[in-house]
PDB file of all heavy atoms in Angstrom:
ATOM      1  N   HIS A   1     -70.574  33.022  77.303  1.00  0.00           N
ATOM      2  CA  HIS A   1     -70.312  34.318  77.920  1.00  0.00           C
ATOM      3  C   HIS A   1     -71.153  34.478  79.178  1.00  0.00           C
ATOM      4  O   HIS A   1     -72.019  33.654  79.465  1.00  0.00           O
ATOM      5  CB  HIS A   1     -70.589  35.449  76.920  1.00  0.00           C
ATOM      6  CG  HIS A   1     -69.658  35.466  75.762  1.00  0.00           C
ATOM      7  ND1 HIS A   1     -69.742  34.550  74.735  1.00  0.00           N
ATOM      8  CD2 HIS A   1     -68.597  36.260  75.472  1.00  0.00           C
ATOM      9  CE1 HIS A   1     -68.779  34.776  73.861  1.00  0.00           C
ATOM     10  NE2 HIS A   1     -68.065  35.809  74.288  1.00  0.00           N
ATOM     11  N   GLU A   2     -70.903  35.556  79.889  1.00  0.00           N
ATOM     12  CA  GLU A   2     -71.614  35.816  81.147  1.00  0.00           C
ATOM     13  C   GLU A   2     -72.763  36.797  80.908  1.00  0.00           C
ATOM     14  O   GLU A   2     -72.812  37.880  81.480  1.00  0.00           O
ATOM     15  CB  GLU A   2     -70.641  36.367  82.194  1.00  0.00           C
ATOM     16  CG  GLU A   2     -69.491  35.440  82.535  1.00  0.00           C
ATOM     17  CD  GLU A   2     -69.956  34.146  83.191  1.00  0.00           C
ATOM     18  OE1 GLU A   2     -70.979  34.193  83.913  1.00  0.00           O
ATOM     19  OE2 GLU A   2     -69.320  33.103  82.967  1.00  0.00           O
ATOM     20  N   GLY A   3     -73.668  36.443  80.033  1.00  0.00           N
ATOM     21  CA  GLY A   3     -74.824  37.278  79.761  1.00  0.00           C
ATOM     22  C   GLY A   3     -74.681  38.114  78.502  1.00  0.00           C
ATOM     23  O   GLY A   3     -73.658  38.097  77.813  1.00  0.00           O
ATOM     24  N   LYS A   4     -75.732  38.877  78.203  1.00  0.00           N
ATOM     25  CA  LYS A   4     -75.805  39.670  76.968  1.00  0.00           C
ATOM     26  C   LYS A   4     -74.716  40.729  76.884  1.00  0.00           C
ATOM     27  O   LYS A   4     -74.094  40.923  75.837  1.00  0.00           O
ATOM     28  CB  LYS A   4     -77.172  40.340  76.863  1.00  0.00           C
ATOM     29  CG  LYS A   4     -78.319  39.389  76.633  1.00  0.00           C
ATOM     30  CD  LYS A   4     -79.627  40.144  76.560  1.00  0.00           C
ATOM     31  CE  LYS A   4     -80.776  39.192  76.266  1.00  0.00           C
ATOM     32  NZ  LYS A   4     -80.884  38.148  77.315  1.00  0.00           N
ATOM     33  N   SER A   5     -74.518  41.470  77.966  1.00  0.00           N
ATOM     34  CA  SER A   5     -73.536  42.560  77.940  1.00  0.00           C
ATOM     35  C   SER A   5     -72.142  42.027  77.674  1.00  0.00           C
ATOM     36  O   SER A   5     -71.378  42.616  76.897  1.00  0.00           O
ATOM     37  CB  SER A   5     -73.570  43.326  79.269  1.00  0.00           C
ATOM     38  OG  SER A   5     -74.825  43.940  79.474  1.00  0.00           O
ATOM     39  N   ASP A   6     -71.814  40.910  78.306  1.00  0.00           N
ATOM     40  CA  ASP A   6     -70.495  40.307  78.102  1.00  0.00           C
ATOM     41  C   ASP A   6     -70.338  39.850  76.661  1.00  0.00           C
ATOM     42  O   ASP A   6     -69.277  40.051  76.044  1.00  0.00           O
ATOM     43  CB  ASP A   6     -70.331  39.132  79.067  1.00  0.00           C
ATOM     44  CG  ASP A   6     -68.950  38.502  78.974  1.00  0.00           C
ATOM     45  OD1 ASP A   6     -67.952  39.252  78.861  1.00  0.00           O
ATOM     46  OD2 ASP A   6     -68.858  37.257  79.011  1.00  0.00           O
ATOM     47  N   LEU A   7     -71.385  39.247  76.105  1.00  0.00           N
ATOM     48  CA  LEU A   7     -71.338  38.809  74.705  1.00  0.00           C
ATOM     49  C   LEU A   7     -71.151  39.994  73.770  1.00  0.00           C
ATOM     50  O   LEU A   7     -70.311  39.951  72.857  1.00  0.00           O
ATOM     51  CB  LEU A   7     -72.628  38.057  74.354  1.00  0.00           C
ATOM     52  CG  LEU A   7     -72.812  37.648  72.890  1.00  0.00           C
ATOM     53  CD1 LEU A   7     -71.684  36.743  72.430  1.00  0.00           C
ATOM     54  CD2 LEU A   7     -74.163  36.968  72.689  1.00  0.00           C
ATOM     55  N   LYS A   8     -71.906  41.046  74.002  1.00  0.00           N
ATOM     56  CA  LYS A   8     -71.827  42.225  73.127  1.00  0.00           C
ATOM     57  C   LYS A   8     -70.445  42.858  73.178  1.00  0.00           C
ATOM     58  O   LYS A   8     -69.887  43.256  72.151  1.00  0.00           O
ATOM     59  CB  LYS A   8     -72.887  43.246  73.528  1.00  0.00           C
ATOM     60  CG  LYS A   8     -73.084  44.364  72.518  1.00  0.00           C
ATOM     61  CD  LYS A   8     -74.277  45.216  72.875  1.00  0.00           C
ATOM     62  CE  LYS A   8     -74.511  46.298  71.823  1.00  0.00           C
ATOM     63  NZ  LYS A   8     -75.716  47.125  72.159  1.00  0.00           N
ATOM     64  N   ARG A   9     -69.865  42.950  74.367  1.00  0.00           N
ATOM     65  CA  ARG A   9     -68.506  43.509  74.504  1.00  0.00           C
ATOM     66  C   ARG A   9     -67.470  42.612  73.843  1.00  0.00           C
ATOM     67  O   ARG A   9     -66.443  43.086  73.343  1.00  0.00           O
ATOM     68  CB  ARG A   9     -68.156  43.681  75.984  1.00  0.00           C
ATOM     69  CG  ARG A   9     -68.857  44.827  76.687  1.00  0.00           C
ATOM     70  CD  ARG A   9     -68.208  45.104  78.037  1.00  0.00           C
ATOM     71  NE  ARG A   9     -68.248  43.943  78.903  1.00  0.00           N
ATOM     72  CZ  ARG A   9     -69.214  43.699  79.790  1.00  0.00           C
ATOM     73  NH1 ARG A   9     -70.233  44.550  79.899  1.00  0.00           N
ATOM     74  NH2 ARG A   9     -69.180  42.618  80.548  1.00  0.00           N
ATOM     75  N   SER A  10     -67.757  41.321  73.855  1.00  0.00           N
ATOM     76  CA  SER A  10     -66.785  40.341  73.364  1.00  0.00           C
ATOM     77  C   SER A  10     -66.716  40.262  71.843  1.00  0.00           C
ATOM     78  O   SER A  10     -65.661  39.930  71.289  1.00  0.00           O
ATOM     79  CB  SER A  10     -67.133  38.960  73.932  1.00  0.00           C
ATOM     80  OG  SER A  10     -66.335  37.948  73.378  1.00  0.00           O
ATOM     81  N   ILE A  11     -67.824  40.561  71.169  1.00  0.00           N
ATOM     82  CA  ILE A  11     -67.888  40.359  69.715  1.00  0.00           C
ATOM     83  C   ILE A  11     -66.771  41.088  68.962  1.00  0.00           C
ATOM     84  O   ILE A  11     -66.068  40.469  68.145  1.00  0.00           O
ATOM     85  CB  ILE A  11     -69.282  40.739  69.176  1.00  0.00           C
ATOM     86  CG1 ILE A  11     -70.308  39.688  69.618  1.00  0.00           C
ATOM     87  CG2 ILE A  11     -69.272  40.841  67.652  1.00  0.00           C
ATOM     88  CD1 ILE A  11     -71.745  40.029  69.270  1.00  0.00           C
ATOM     89  N   PRO A  12     -66.546  42.394  69.175  1.00  0.00           N
ATOM     90  CA  PRO A  12     -65.453  43.062  68.438  1.00  0.00           C
ATOM     91  C   PRO A  12     -64.090  42.423  68.702  1.00  0.00           C
ATOM     92  O   PRO A  12     -63.287  42.245  67.774  1.00  0.00           O
ATOM     93  CB  PRO A  12     -65.503  44.501  68.969  1.00  0.00           C
ATOM     94  CG  PRO A  12     -66.902  44.684  69.443  1.00  0.00           C
ATOM     95  CD  PRO A  12     -67.292  43.355  70.017  1.00  0.00           C
ATOM     96  N   LYS A  13     -63.834  42.057  69.952  1.00  0.00           N
ATOM     97  CA  LYS A  13     -62.546  41.439  70.295  1.00  0.00           C
ATOM     98  C   LYS A  13     -62.410  40.077  69.632  1.00  0.00           C
ATOM     99  O   LYS A  13     -61.343  39.748  69.099  1.00  0.00           O
ATOM    100  CB  LYS A  13     -62.429  41.294  71.815  1.00  0.00           C
ATOM    101  CG  LYS A  13     -62.451  42.606  72.579  1.00  0.00           C
ATOM    102  CD  LYS A  13     -62.424  42.358  74.082  1.00  0.00           C
ATOM    103  CE  LYS A  13     -62.533  43.654  74.859  1.00  0.00           C
ATOM    104  NZ  LYS A  13     -62.555  43.416  76.325  1.00  0.00           N
ATOM    105  N   LYS A  14     -63.491  39.301  69.674  1.00  0.00           N
ATOM    106  CA  LYS A  14     -63.448  37.963  69.083  1.00  0.00           C
ATOM    107  C   LYS A  14     -63.227  38.053  67.571  1.00  0.00           C
ATOM    108  O   LYS A  14     -62.412  37.313  66.994  1.00  0.00           O
ATOM    109  CB  LYS A  14     -64.746  37.209  69.366  1.00  0.00           C
ATOM    110  CG  LYS A  14     -64.937  36.780  70.819  1.00  0.00           C
ATOM    111  CD  LYS A  14     -64.004  35.664  71.199  1.00  0.00           C
ATOM    112  CE  LYS A  14     -64.445  34.967  72.498  1.00  0.00           C
ATOM    113  NZ  LYS A  14     -64.566  35.850  73.647  1.00  0.00           N
ATOM    114  N   LEU A  15     -63.930  38.948  66.891  1.00  0.00           N
ATOM    115  CA  LEU A  15     -63.806  39.060  65.441  1.00  0.00           C
ATOM    116  C   LEU A  15     -62.406  39.510  65.037  1.00  0.00           C
ATOM    117  O   LEU A  15     -61.861  39.061  64.024  1.00  0.00           O
ATOM    118  CB  LEU A  15     -64.855  40.025  64.889  1.00  0.00           C
ATOM    119  CG  LEU A  15     -66.319  39.555  65.006  1.00  0.00           C
ATOM    120  CD1 LEU A  15     -67.251  40.562  64.360  1.00  0.00           C
ATOM    121  CD2 LEU A  15     -66.514  38.170  64.392  1.00  0.00           C
ATOM    122  N   LYS A  16     -61.815  40.386  65.828  1.00  0.00           N
ATOM    123  CA  LYS A  16     -60.435  40.802  65.553  1.00  0.00           C
ATOM    124  C   LYS A  16     -59.476  39.620  65.714  1.00  0.00           C
ATOM    125  O   LYS A  16     -58.508  39.480  64.959  1.00  0.00           O
ATOM    126  CB  LYS A  16     -60.041  41.945  66.476  1.00  0.00           C
ATOM    127  CG  LYS A  16     -60.736  43.263  66.148  1.00  0.00           C
ATOM    128  CD  LYS A  16     -60.361  44.359  67.130  1.00  0.00           C
ATOM    129  CE  LYS A  16     -61.107  45.657  66.796  1.00  0.00           C
ATOM    130  NZ  LYS A  16     -60.813  46.746  67.779  1.00  0.00           N
ATOM    131  N   GLY A  17     -59.767  38.782  66.697  1.00  0.00           N
ATOM    132  CA  GLY A  17     -58.953  37.580  66.873  1.00  0.00           C
ATOM    133  C   GLY A  17     -59.143  36.601  65.731  1.00  0.00           C
ATOM    134  O   GLY A  17     -58.173  36.007  65.245  1.00  0.00           O
ATOM    135  N   PHE A  18     -60.391  36.449  65.276  1.00  0.00           N
ATOM    136  CA  PHE A  18     -60.661  35.539  64.154  1.00  0.00           C
ATOM    137  C   PHE A  18     -59.949  36.010  62.884  1.00  0.00           C
ATOM    138  O   PHE A  18     -59.599  35.200  62.022  1.00  0.00           O
ATOM    139  CB  PHE A  18     -62.165  35.451  63.880  1.00  0.00           C
ATOM    140  CG  PHE A  18     -62.982  34.932  65.030  1.00  0.00           C
ATOM    141  CD1 PHE A  18     -64.358  35.128  65.061  1.00  0.00           C
ATOM    142  CD2 PHE A  18     -62.385  34.240  66.083  1.00  0.00           C
ATOM    143  CE1 PHE A  18     -65.123  34.659  66.118  1.00  0.00           C
ATOM    144  CE2 PHE A  18     -63.142  33.770  67.147  1.00  0.00           C
ATOM    145  CZ  PHE A  18     -64.517  33.989  67.168  1.00  0.00           C
ATOM    146  N   ALA A  19     -59.764  37.303  62.745  1.00  0.00           N
ATOM    147  CA  ALA A  19     -59.109  37.858  61.554  1.00  0.00           C
ATOM    148  C   ALA A  19     -57.665  37.366  61.429  1.00  0.00           C
ATOM    149  O   ALA A  19     -57.083  37.405  60.337  1.00  0.00           O
ATOM    150  CB  ALA A  19     -59.147  39.380  61.598  1.00  0.00           C
ATOM    151  N   GLN A  20     -57.098  36.905  62.534  1.00  0.00           N
ATOM    152  CA  GLN A  20     -55.720  36.410  62.520  1.00  0.00           C
ATOM    153  C   GLN A  20     -55.625  34.953  62.065  1.00  0.00           C
ATOM    154  O   GLN A  20     -54.531  34.454  61.816  1.00  0.00           O
ATOM    155  CB  GLN A  20     -55.107  36.540  63.926  1.00  0.00           C
ATOM    156  CG  GLN A  20     -55.178  37.940  64.515  1.00  0.00           C
ATOM    157  CD  GLN A  20     -54.530  38.982  63.643  1.00  0.00           C
ATOM    158  OE1 GLN A  20     -53.415  38.781  63.146  1.00  0.00           O
ATOM    159  NE2 GLN A  20     -55.217  40.103  63.433  1.00  0.00           N
ATOM    160  N   HIS A  21     -56.776  34.299  61.952  1.00  0.00           N
ATOM    161  CA  HIS A  21     -56.765  32.903  61.523  1.00  0.00           C
ATOM    162  C   HIS A  21     -56.419  32.800  60.043  1.00  0.00           C
ATOM    163  O   HIS A  21     -56.816  33.643  59.235  1.00  0.00           O
ATOM    164  CB  HIS A  21     -58.137  32.257  61.756  1.00  0.00           C
ATOM    165  CG  HIS A  21     -58.534  32.209  63.203  1.00  0.00           C
ATOM    166  ND1 HIS A  21     -59.839  32.012  63.614  1.00  0.00           N
ATOM    167  CD2 HIS A  21     -57.802  32.343  64.344  1.00  0.00           C
ATOM    168  CE1 HIS A  21     -59.891  32.016  64.927  1.00  0.00           C
ATOM    169  NE2 HIS A  21     -58.679  32.217  65.397  1.00  0.00           N
ATOM    170  N   LYS A  22     -55.714  31.751  59.669  1.00  0.00           N
ATOM    171  CA  LYS A  22     -55.406  31.514  58.265  1.00  0.00           C
ATOM    172  C   LYS A  22     -56.639  31.019  57.513  1.00  0.00           C
ATOM    173  O   LYS A  22     -56.814  31.328  56.333  1.00  0.00           O
ATOM    174  CB  LYS A  22     -54.275  30.482  58.150  1.00  0.00           C
ATOM    175  CG  LYS A  22     -52.933  30.964  58.709  1.00  0.00           C
ATOM    176  CD  LYS A  22     -51.882  29.893  58.541  1.00  0.00           C
ATOM    177  CE  LYS A  22     -50.539  30.354  59.105  1.00  0.00           C
ATOM    178  NZ  LYS A  22     -49.494  29.311  58.969  1.00  0.00           N
ATOM    179  N   GLU A  23     -57.471  30.252  58.179  1.00  0.00           N
ATOM    180  CA  GLU A  23     -58.642  29.682  57.532  1.00  0.00           C
ATOM    181  C   GLU A  23     -59.820  30.646  57.551  1.00  0.00           C
ATOM    182  O   GLU A  23     -59.850  31.594  58.326  1.00  0.00           O
ATOM    183  CB  GLU A  23     -59.044  28.360  58.199  1.00  0.00           C
ATOM    184  CG  GLU A  23     -59.482  28.493  59.651  1.00  0.00           C
ATOM    185  CD  GLU A  23     -58.343  28.334  60.632  1.00  0.00           C
ATOM    186  OE1 GLU A  23     -57.318  29.012  60.457  1.00  0.00           O
ATOM    187  OE2 GLU A  23     -58.502  27.543  61.596  1.00  0.00           O
ATOM    188  N   GLN A  24     -60.781  30.387  56.681  1.00  0.00           N
ATOM    189  CA  GLN A  24     -62.041  31.130  56.694  1.00  0.00           C
ATOM    190  C   GLN A  24     -62.782  30.796  57.988  1.00  0.00           C
ATOM    191  O   GLN A  24     -62.920  29.634  58.351  1.00  0.00           O
ATOM    192  CB  GLN A  24     -62.901  30.730  55.500  1.00  0.00           C
ATOM    193  CG  GLN A  24     -64.270  31.378  55.468  1.00  0.00           C
ATOM    194  CD  GLN A  24     -64.225  32.807  54.944  1.00  0.00           C
ATOM    195  OE1 GLN A  24     -63.581  33.080  53.942  1.00  0.00           O
ATOM    196  NE2 GLN A  24     -64.902  33.708  55.636  1.00  0.00           N
ATOM    197  N   THR A  25     -63.233  31.812  58.692  1.00  0.00           N
ATOM    198  CA  THR A  25     -63.921  31.609  59.963  1.00  0.00           C
ATOM    199  C   THR A  25     -65.339  32.141  59.872  1.00  0.00           C
ATOM    200  O   THR A  25     -65.566  33.252  59.397  1.00  0.00           O
ATOM    201  CB  THR A  25     -63.187  32.332  61.111  1.00  0.00           C
ATOM    202  OG1 THR A  25     -61.850  31.803  61.228  1.00  0.00           O
ATOM    203  CG2 THR A  25     -63.916  32.133  62.433  1.00  0.00           C
ATOM    204  N   THR A  26     -66.282  31.333  60.316  1.00  0.00           N
ATOM    205  CA  THR A  26     -67.670  31.767  60.391  1.00  0.00           C
ATOM    206  C   THR A  26     -68.082  31.837  61.852  1.00  0.00           C
ATOM    207  O   THR A  26     -67.940  30.858  62.590  1.00  0.00           O
ATOM    208  CB  THR A  26     -68.603  30.817  59.643  1.00  0.00           C
ATOM    209  OG1 THR A  26     -68.256  30.801  58.259  1.00  0.00           O
ATOM    210  CG2 THR A  26     -70.057  31.256  59.781  1.00  0.00           C
ATOM    211  N   GLY A  27     -68.569  32.990  62.258  1.00  0.00           N
ATOM    212  CA  GLY A  27     -69.035  33.164  63.616  1.00  0.00           C
ATOM    213  C   GLY A  27     -70.551  33.084  63.687  1.00  0.00           C
ATOM    214  O   GLY A  27     -71.250  33.755  62.930  1.00  0.00           O
ATOM    215  N   PHE A  28     -71.053  32.242  64.564  1.00  0.00           N
ATOM    216  CA  PHE A  28     -72.490  32.140  64.818  1.00  0.00           C
ATOM    217  C   PHE A  28     -72.766  32.821  66.156  1.00  0.00           C
ATOM    218  O   PHE A  28     -72.278  32.369  67.189  1.00  0.00           O
ATOM    219  CB  PHE A  28     -72.936  30.678  64.868  1.00  0.00           C
ATOM    220  CG  PHE A  28     -72.844  29.966  63.547  1.00  0.00           C
ATOM    221  CD1 PHE A  28     -71.664  29.359  63.150  1.00  0.00           C
ATOM    222  CD2 PHE A  28     -73.937  29.903  62.699  1.00  0.00           C
ATOM    223  CE1 PHE A  28     -71.574  28.703  61.936  1.00  0.00           C
ATOM    224  CE2 PHE A  28     -73.859  29.249  61.479  1.00  0.00           C
ATOM    225  CZ  PHE A  28     -72.675  28.645  61.089  1.00  0.00           C
ATOM    226  N   ILE A  29     -73.494  33.921  66.125  1.00  0.00           N
ATOM    227  CA  ILE A  29     -73.818  34.649  67.350  1.00  0.00           C
ATOM    228  C   ILE A  29     -75.235  34.285  67.757  1.00  0.00           C
ATOM    229  O   ILE A  29     -76.190  34.489  66.993  1.00  0.00           O
ATOM    230  CB  ILE A  29     -73.675  36.174  67.156  1.00  0.00           C
ATOM    231  CG1 ILE A  29     -72.208  36.551  66.919  1.00  0.00           C
ATOM    232  CG2 ILE A  29     -74.181  36.922  68.380  1.00  0.00           C
ATOM    233  CD1 ILE A  29     -71.735  36.466  65.513  1.00  0.00           C
ATOM    234  N   ILE A  30     -75.391  33.727  68.944  1.00  0.00           N
ATOM    235  CA  ILE A  30     -76.686  33.230  69.406  1.00  0.00           C
ATOM    236  C   ILE A  30     -77.034  33.905  70.723  1.00  0.00           C
ATOM    237  O   ILE A  30     -76.287  33.791  71.698  1.00  0.00           O
ATOM    238  CB  ILE A  30     -76.647  31.697  69.579  1.00  0.00           C
ATOM    239  CG1 ILE A  30     -76.161  31.031  68.280  1.00  0.00           C
ATOM    240  CG2 ILE A  30     -78.029  31.166  69.961  1.00  0.00           C
ATOM    241  CD1 ILE A  30     -75.749  29.604  68.444  1.00  0.00           C
ATOM    242  N   GLN A  31     -78.159  34.584  70.738  1.00  0.00           N
ATOM    243  CA  GLN A  31     -78.560  35.338  71.925  1.00  0.00           C
ATOM    244  C   GLN A  31     -80.060  35.221  72.160  1.00  0.00           C
ATOM    245  O   GLN A  31     -80.842  35.152  71.213  1.00  0.00           O
ATOM    246  CB  GLN A  31     -78.172  36.814  71.772  1.00  0.00           C
ATOM    247  CG  GLN A  31     -78.541  37.680  72.975  1.00  0.00           C
ATOM    248  CD  GLN A  31     -78.037  39.097  72.846  1.00  0.00           C
ATOM    249  OE1 GLN A  31     -76.886  39.326  72.507  1.00  0.00           O
ATOM    250  NE2 GLN A  31     -78.904  40.055  73.113  1.00  0.00           N
ATOM    251  N   ASP A  32     -80.450  35.226  73.424  1.00  0.00           N
ATOM    252  CA  ASP A  32     -81.871  35.227  73.768  1.00  0.00           C
ATOM    253  C   ASP A  32     -82.496  36.579  73.445  1.00  0.00           C
ATOM    254  O   ASP A  32     -81.855  37.621  73.590  1.00  0.00           O
ATOM    255  CB  ASP A  32     -82.064  34.964  75.266  1.00  0.00           C
ATOM    256  CG  ASP A  32     -81.803  33.515  75.645  1.00  0.00           C
ATOM    257  OD1 ASP A  32     -81.524  32.707  74.744  1.00  0.00           O
ATOM    258  OD2 ASP A  32     -81.868  33.207  76.847  1.00  0.00           O
ATOM    259  N   GLN A  33     -83.739  36.545  73.042  1.00  0.00           N
ATOM    260  CA  GLN A  33     -84.477  37.777  72.793  1.00  0.00           C
ATOM    261  C   GLN A  33     -84.890  38.451  74.097  1.00  0.00           C
ATOM    262  O   GLN A  33     -84.827  39.662  74.232  1.00  0.00           O
ATOM    263  CB  GLN A  33     -85.746  37.482  71.980  1.00  0.00           C
ATOM    264  CG  GLN A  33     -86.639  38.696  71.779  1.00  0.00           C
ATOM    265  CD  GLN A  33     -87.985  38.335  71.161  1.00  0.00           C
ATOM    266  OE1 GLN A  33     -88.214  37.177  70.811  1.00  0.00           O
ATOM    267  NE2 GLN A  33     -88.869  39.299  71.044  1.00  0.00           N
ATOM    268  N   ASP A  34     -85.332  37.649  75.058  1.00  0.00           N
ATOM    269  CA  ASP A  34     -85.903  38.155  76.308  1.00  0.00           C
ATOM    270  C   ASP A  34     -87.043  39.128  75.983  1.00  0.00           C
ATOM    271  O   ASP A  34     -87.920  38.806  75.215  1.00  0.00           O
ATOM    272  CB  ASP A  34     -84.828  38.780  77.190  1.00  0.00           C
ATOM    273  CG  ASP A  34     -83.896  37.713  77.775  1.00  0.00           C
ATOM    274  OD1 ASP A  34     -84.354  36.584  77.993  1.00  0.00           O
ATOM    275  OD2 ASP A  34     -82.710  38.010  77.998  1.00  0.00           O
ATOM    276  N   SER A  35     -86.988  40.350  76.504  1.00  0.00           N
ATOM    277  CA  SER A  35     -88.069  41.313  76.264  1.00  0.00           C
ATOM    278  C   SER A  35     -87.758  42.287  75.138  1.00  0.00           C
ATOM    279  O   SER A  35     -88.497  43.232  74.885  1.00  0.00           O
ATOM    280  CB  SER A  35     -88.356  42.110  77.548  1.00  0.00           C
ATOM    281  OG  SER A  35     -87.192  42.799  77.975  1.00  0.00           O
ATOM    282  N   ASN A  36     -86.668  42.069  74.437  1.00  0.00           N
ATOM    283  CA  ASN A  36     -86.264  42.970  73.356  1.00  0.00           C
ATOM    284  C   ASN A  36     -87.082  42.730  72.089  1.00  0.00           C
ATOM    285  O   ASN A  36     -87.672  41.660  71.904  1.00  0.00           O
ATOM    286  CB  ASN A  36     -84.766  42.783  73.033  1.00  0.00           C
ATOM    287  CG  ASN A  36     -83.876  43.130  74.199  1.00  0.00           C
ATOM    288  OD1 ASN A  36     -83.715  44.292  74.546  1.00  0.00           O
ATOM    289  ND2 ASN A  36     -83.283  42.117  74.800  1.00  0.00           N
ATOM    290  N   ASP A  37     -87.085  43.718  71.196  1.00  0.00           N
ATOM    291  CA  ASP A  37     -87.660  43.539  69.875  1.00  0.00           C
ATOM    292  C   ASP A  37     -86.708  42.660  69.064  1.00  0.00           C
ATOM    293  O   ASP A  37     -85.535  42.989  68.901  1.00  0.00           O
ATOM    294  CB  ASP A  37     -87.847  44.895  69.182  1.00  0.00           C
ATOM    295  CG  ASP A  37     -88.421  44.743  67.781  1.00  0.00           C
ATOM    296  OD1 ASP A  37     -87.619  44.576  66.838  1.00  0.00           O
ATOM    297  OD2 ASP A  37     -89.646  44.791  67.640  1.00  0.00           O
ATOM    298  N   CYS A  38     -87.203  41.536  68.574  1.00  0.00           N
ATOM    299  CA  CYS A  38     -86.360  40.530  67.925  1.00  0.00           C
ATOM    300  C   CYS A  38     -85.606  41.093  66.724  1.00  0.00           C
ATOM    301  O   CYS A  38     -84.398  40.916  66.594  1.00  0.00           O
ATOM    302  CB  CYS A  38     -87.216  39.341  67.508  1.00  0.00           C
ATOM    303  SG  CYS A  38     -86.276  37.946  66.863  1.00  0.00           S
ATOM    304  N   ARG A  39     -86.324  41.793  65.834  1.00  0.00           N
ATOM    305  CA  ARG A  39     -85.690  42.323  64.631  1.00  0.00           C
ATOM    306  C   ARG A  39     -84.662  43.391  64.956  1.00  0.00           C
ATOM    307  O   ARG A  39     -83.568  43.432  64.381  1.00  0.00           O
ATOM    308  CB  ARG A  39     -86.754  42.888  63.689  1.00  0.00           C
ATOM    309  CG  ARG A  39     -87.656  41.817  63.082  1.00  0.00           C
ATOM    310  CD  ARG A  39     -88.652  42.422  62.107  1.00  0.00           C
ATOM    311  NE  ARG A  39     -89.516  41.406  61.537  1.00  0.00           N
ATOM    312  CZ  ARG A  39     -90.480  41.654  60.659  1.00  0.00           C
ATOM    313  NH1 ARG A  39     -90.701  42.910  60.253  1.00  0.00           N
ATOM    314  NH2 ARG A  39     -91.228  40.672  60.177  1.00  0.00           N
ATOM    315  N   GLN A  40     -84.999  44.281  65.891  1.00  0.00           N
ATOM    316  CA  GLN A  40     -84.078  45.342  66.263  1.00  0.00           C
ATOM    317  C   GLN A  40     -82.813  44.767  66.896  1.00  0.00           C
ATOM    318  O   GLN A  40     -81.688  45.210  66.595  1.00  0.00           O
ATOM    319  CB  GLN A  40     -84.741  46.317  67.237  1.00  0.00           C
ATOM    320  CG  GLN A  40     -83.838  47.485  67.632  1.00  0.00           C
ATOM    321  CD  GLN A  40     -84.533  48.454  68.569  1.00  0.00           C
ATOM    322  OE1 GLN A  40     -85.745  48.396  68.747  1.00  0.00           O
ATOM    323  NE2 GLN A  40     -83.767  49.334  69.176  1.00  0.00           N
ATOM    324  N   LEU A  41     -82.990  43.776  67.764  1.00  0.00           N
ATOM    325  CA  LEU A  41     -81.845  43.142  68.411  1.00  0.00           C
ATOM    326  C   LEU A  41     -80.932  42.492  67.381  1.00  0.00           C
ATOM    327  O   LEU A  41     -79.705  42.638  67.440  1.00  0.00           O
ATOM    328  CB  LEU A  41     -82.340  42.097  69.415  1.00  0.00           C
ATOM    329  CG  LEU A  41     -81.270  41.304  70.162  1.00  0.00           C
ATOM    330  CD1 LEU A  41     -80.349  42.233  70.948  1.00  0.00           C
ATOM    331  CD2 LEU A  41     -81.925  40.281  71.094  1.00  0.00           C
ATOM    332  N   LYS A  42     -81.534  41.782  66.424  1.00  0.00           N
ATOM    333  CA  LYS A  42     -80.730  41.145  65.384  1.00  0.00           C
ATOM    334  C   LYS A  42     -79.992  42.183  64.547  1.00  0.00           C
ATOM    335  O   LYS A  42     -78.803  42.015  64.226  1.00  0.00           O
ATOM    336  CB  LYS A  42     -81.614  40.277  64.486  1.00  0.00           C
ATOM    337  CG  LYS A  42     -80.834  39.509  63.429  1.00  0.00           C
ATOM    338  CD  LYS A  42     -81.725  38.571  62.648  1.00  0.00           C
ATOM    339  CE  LYS A  42     -80.923  37.791  61.619  1.00  0.00           C
ATOM    340  NZ  LYS A  42     -81.767  36.838  60.847  1.00  0.00           N
ATOM    341  N   GLN A  43     -80.668  43.276  64.191  1.00  0.00           N
ATOM    342  CA  GLN A  43     -80.036  44.340  63.407  1.00  0.00           C
ATOM    343  C   GLN A  43     -78.841  44.943  64.149  1.00  0.00           C
ATOM    344  O   GLN A  43     -77.799  45.235  63.548  1.00  0.00           O
ATOM    345  CB  GLN A  43     -81.059  45.429  63.078  1.00  0.00           C
ATOM    346  CG  GLN A  43     -82.099  45.011  62.048  1.00  0.00           C
ATOM    347  CD  GLN A  43     -83.208  46.032  61.863  1.00  0.00           C
ATOM    348  OE1 GLN A  43     -83.247  47.055  62.555  1.00  0.00           O
ATOM    349  NE2 GLN A  43     -84.119  45.761  60.947  1.00  0.00           N
TER     350      GLN A  43
END
């Protein structure tokens, strides 16, 4: 993606698309912490 904001906007759209798959889909979301609180960002 093109940075954090793009990734965050993309997640709902991507998950809705994954819901159309016949197979079980696992999404791994990987993001830099930068200056954010790690636990809060993950939550």
